[in-house]
Amino acid sequence: MKFLKNFILLGVILLISGCTQAPHPIGGGLYMTTSTGAGFSAEGVTKSVYAEAEKLAKEKNKVVYVESIDVEQGALGRNPPSAKLMFRLVEPNSEEAKSKQRLIPGLQRIQMIGNNNNPPKSEPTLEEKLSKIKKLYEDGTITKEEYDKARIGILSNY
C-alpha cells in the first residue's frame, strides 16, 4: 500500500513539474530540446528549453543561435503547455552570435507574443522534413550518422 501511495505521489509531482529533455544533436549542427509542463501557460516550458540550451552552450564555450522555437499554450483536457527549441552552437564572436536571432533571455518570448501582425508559418510536413534531411545526406552536407540521428529525431516528434 505504501508503494502505491509513493507511486501516485511521484506521478502527481511529475505531472505538476513537467519534463524537460536535455539538448541532443539532430544532425547538420542542429540541436533540439523540448519541454512539457502543467497548467495553461507556456512561459515555464519556454524558459526551460532556453535554460537547457544556454547550459550546453556554456559547457562548450559557445553561444546559442536559435533556428526555431515552437511554443504551445496548454488547453484544459487536451494538451499541456509545451516548447520545442531548435538551435545551433556558434562561436561567441561570429556574425550569427551578433544577429537578432542570438538567444537573449526573454527576447524571443517577447518577439513571439508581441508579433501578432504576422500569422505563424505552418510547420513543415513530416514528408518535407524527411525529404530535406535526405537531400542534405545525398549532397554530402551531413554524414550517415547525422542523417540517422536527424531522421530519428523527426520521427520521434510525430
Protein backbone atom coordinates (compact mmCIF):
# COMPACT_ATOMS: atom_id res chain seq x y z
CA MET A 1 0.00 0.00 0.00
CA LYS A 2 2.85 2.38 0.83
CA PHE A 3 4.42 1.65 -2.56
CA LEU A 4 1.18 2.57 -4.33
CA LYS A 5 0.92 5.87 -2.42
CA ASN A 6 4.53 6.73 -3.26
CA PHE A 7 3.97 5.80 -6.91
CA ILE A 8 0.89 8.04 -7.12
CA LEU A 9 2.72 10.87 -5.35
CA LEU A 10 5.62 10.59 -7.80
CA GLY A 11 3.17 10.70 -10.73
CA VAL A 12 1.50 13.83 -9.37
CA ILE A 13 4.88 15.54 -8.85
CA LEU A 14 5.95 14.72 -12.40
CA LEU A 15 2.64 15.95 -13.78
CA ILE A 16 2.92 19.24 -11.93
CA SER A 17 6.59 19.85 -12.60
CA GLY A 18 6.63 18.80 -16.25
CA CYS A 19 9.53 17.32 -18.14
CA THR A 20 12.44 18.92 -19.98
CA GLN A 21 14.63 16.93 -22.32
CA ALA A 22 18.34 17.76 -22.42
CA PRO A 23 19.54 19.06 -25.78
CA HIS A 24 20.57 16.41 -28.24
CA PRO A 25 22.13 16.71 -31.70
CA ILE A 26 19.80 16.00 -34.60
CA GLY A 27 22.29 16.45 -37.43
CA GLY A 28 23.71 19.23 -39.51
CA GLY A 29 24.98 21.01 -36.41
CA LEU A 30 21.44 21.37 -35.05
CA TYR A 31 20.37 20.58 -31.51
CA MET A 32 16.88 20.18 -30.14
CA THR A 33 15.45 20.38 -26.66
CA THR A 34 11.82 20.04 -25.62
CA SER A 35 9.78 20.66 -22.52
CA THR A 36 6.23 19.99 -21.39
CA GLY A 37 4.61 21.34 -18.28
CA ALA A 38 1.37 21.59 -16.40
CA GLY A 39 -1.35 24.20 -16.43
CA PHE A 40 -2.02 26.60 -19.26
CA SER A 41 0.93 29.00 -19.55
CA ALA A 42 3.88 28.06 -21.73
CA GLU A 43 6.18 30.57 -20.04
CA GLY A 44 7.79 27.96 -17.77
CA VAL A 45 8.47 25.46 -20.53
CA THR A 46 9.87 28.21 -22.76
CA LYS A 47 12.29 29.24 -20.02
CA SER A 48 13.25 25.58 -19.51
CA VAL A 49 14.29 24.98 -23.12
CA TYR A 50 16.28 28.21 -23.19
CA ALA A 51 18.00 27.29 -19.92
CA GLU A 52 18.98 23.87 -21.27
CA ALA A 53 20.36 25.40 -24.47
CA GLU A 54 22.35 28.00 -22.52
CA LYS A 55 23.71 25.30 -20.20
CA LEU A 56 25.05 23.30 -23.16
CA ALA A 57 26.49 26.43 -24.78
CA LYS A 58 28.27 27.37 -21.57
CA GLU A 59 29.80 23.88 -21.31
CA LYS A 60 31.16 24.20 -24.86
CA ASN A 61 32.16 27.90 -24.63
CA LYS A 62 29.72 28.80 -27.42
CA VAL A 63 26.55 30.83 -27.76
CA VAL A 64 23.10 29.73 -28.83
CA TYR A 65 21.77 30.65 -32.26
CA VAL A 66 18.04 29.97 -32.39
CA GLU A 67 16.81 28.29 -35.56
CA SER A 68 13.20 27.87 -34.42
CA ILE A 69 11.03 27.79 -31.34
CA ASP A 70 7.60 26.19 -31.28
CA VAL A 71 5.50 27.05 -28.24
CA GLU A 72 2.00 25.81 -27.45
CA GLN A 73 -0.12 27.06 -24.60
CA GLY A 74 -1.87 24.41 -22.53
CA ALA A 75 -5.51 23.57 -23.14
CA LEU A 76 -7.67 22.03 -20.44
CA GLY A 77 -8.32 18.38 -21.15
CA ARG A 78 -6.43 18.43 -24.43
CA ASN A 79 -2.73 19.13 -24.06
CA PRO A 80 -0.19 20.54 -21.60
CA PRO A 81 1.93 23.57 -22.47
CA SER A 82 4.99 22.65 -24.49
CA ALA A 83 8.04 24.15 -26.16
CA LYS A 84 10.50 22.81 -28.74
CA LEU A 85 13.71 24.73 -29.37
CA MET A 86 15.94 24.02 -32.37
CA PHE A 87 19.32 25.74 -32.21
CA ARG A 88 22.96 25.71 -33.22
CA LEU A 89 26.02 26.46 -31.13
CA VAL A 90 28.21 29.16 -32.66
CA GLU A 91 31.42 30.96 -31.75
CA PRO A 92 30.85 33.99 -29.49
CA ASN A 93 32.48 36.40 -31.96
CA SER A 94 30.72 35.09 -35.09
CA GLU A 95 28.24 37.10 -37.16
CA GLU A 96 25.49 34.70 -36.15
CA ALA A 97 26.16 35.42 -32.47
CA LYS A 98 25.70 39.12 -33.16
CA SER A 99 22.46 38.68 -35.12
CA LYS A 100 18.98 39.27 -33.76
CA GLN A 101 18.32 35.52 -33.52
CA ARG A 102 21.01 35.06 -30.88
CA LEU A 103 19.42 33.81 -27.70
CA ILE A 104 18.88 36.68 -25.31
CA PRO A 105 16.79 35.61 -22.31
CA GLY A 106 13.27 36.98 -22.65
CA LEU A 107 13.76 38.47 -26.12
CA GLN A 108 12.39 35.52 -28.07
CA ARG A 109 9.37 35.31 -25.77
CA ILE A 110 8.61 38.99 -26.39
CA GLN A 111 9.01 38.55 -30.13
CA MET A 112 6.71 35.51 -30.19
CA ILE A 113 3.95 37.08 -28.13
CA GLY A 114 4.26 40.63 -29.43
CA ASN A 115 4.38 39.89 -33.16
CA ASN A 116 0.74 39.11 -33.87
CA ASN A 117 0.68 41.04 -37.17
CA ASN A 118 2.33 38.14 -38.99
CA PRO A 119 0.50 34.83 -38.85
CA PRO A 120 2.70 31.92 -37.77
CA LYS A 121 4.30 29.91 -40.52
CA SER A 122 2.89 26.44 -40.89
CA GLU A 123 5.05 23.59 -39.65
CA PRO A 124 6.66 21.60 -42.48
CA THR A 125 5.05 18.21 -43.00
CA LEU A 126 6.77 15.01 -41.94
CA GLU A 127 7.49 14.23 -45.58
CA GLU A 128 9.06 17.67 -46.15
CA LYS A 129 11.33 17.31 -43.11
CA LEU A 130 12.43 13.82 -44.09
CA SER A 131 12.99 14.90 -47.68
CA LYS A 132 15.12 17.85 -46.55
CA ILE A 133 17.48 15.73 -44.42
CA LYS A 134 17.68 13.08 -47.13
CA LYS A 135 18.77 15.75 -49.62
CA LEU A 136 21.39 17.02 -47.14
CA TYR A 137 22.72 13.47 -46.80
CA GLU A 138 22.73 12.81 -50.54
CA ASP A 139 24.52 16.15 -51.15
CA GLY A 140 27.18 15.18 -48.63
CA THR A 141 26.32 18.05 -46.28
CA ILE A 142 25.69 15.65 -43.40
CA THR A 143 27.10 12.22 -42.59
CA LYS A 144 25.12 8.98 -42.46
CA GLU A 145 25.26 9.13 -38.65
CA GLU A 146 23.90 12.69 -38.63
CA TYR A 147 21.20 11.69 -41.12
CA ASP A 148 20.14 8.74 -38.96
CA LYS A 149 20.02 10.88 -35.79
CA ALA A 150 18.04 13.63 -37.55
CA ARG A 151 15.62 11.09 -39.01
CA ILE A 152 15.04 9.52 -35.59
CA GLY A 153 14.58 12.99 -34.08
CA ILE A 154 11.99 13.93 -36.69
CA LEU A 155 10.10 10.65 -36.41
CA SER A 156 10.10 10.75 -32.60
CA ASN A 157 8.20 14.05 -32.68
CA TYR A 158 5.32 12.62 -34.70
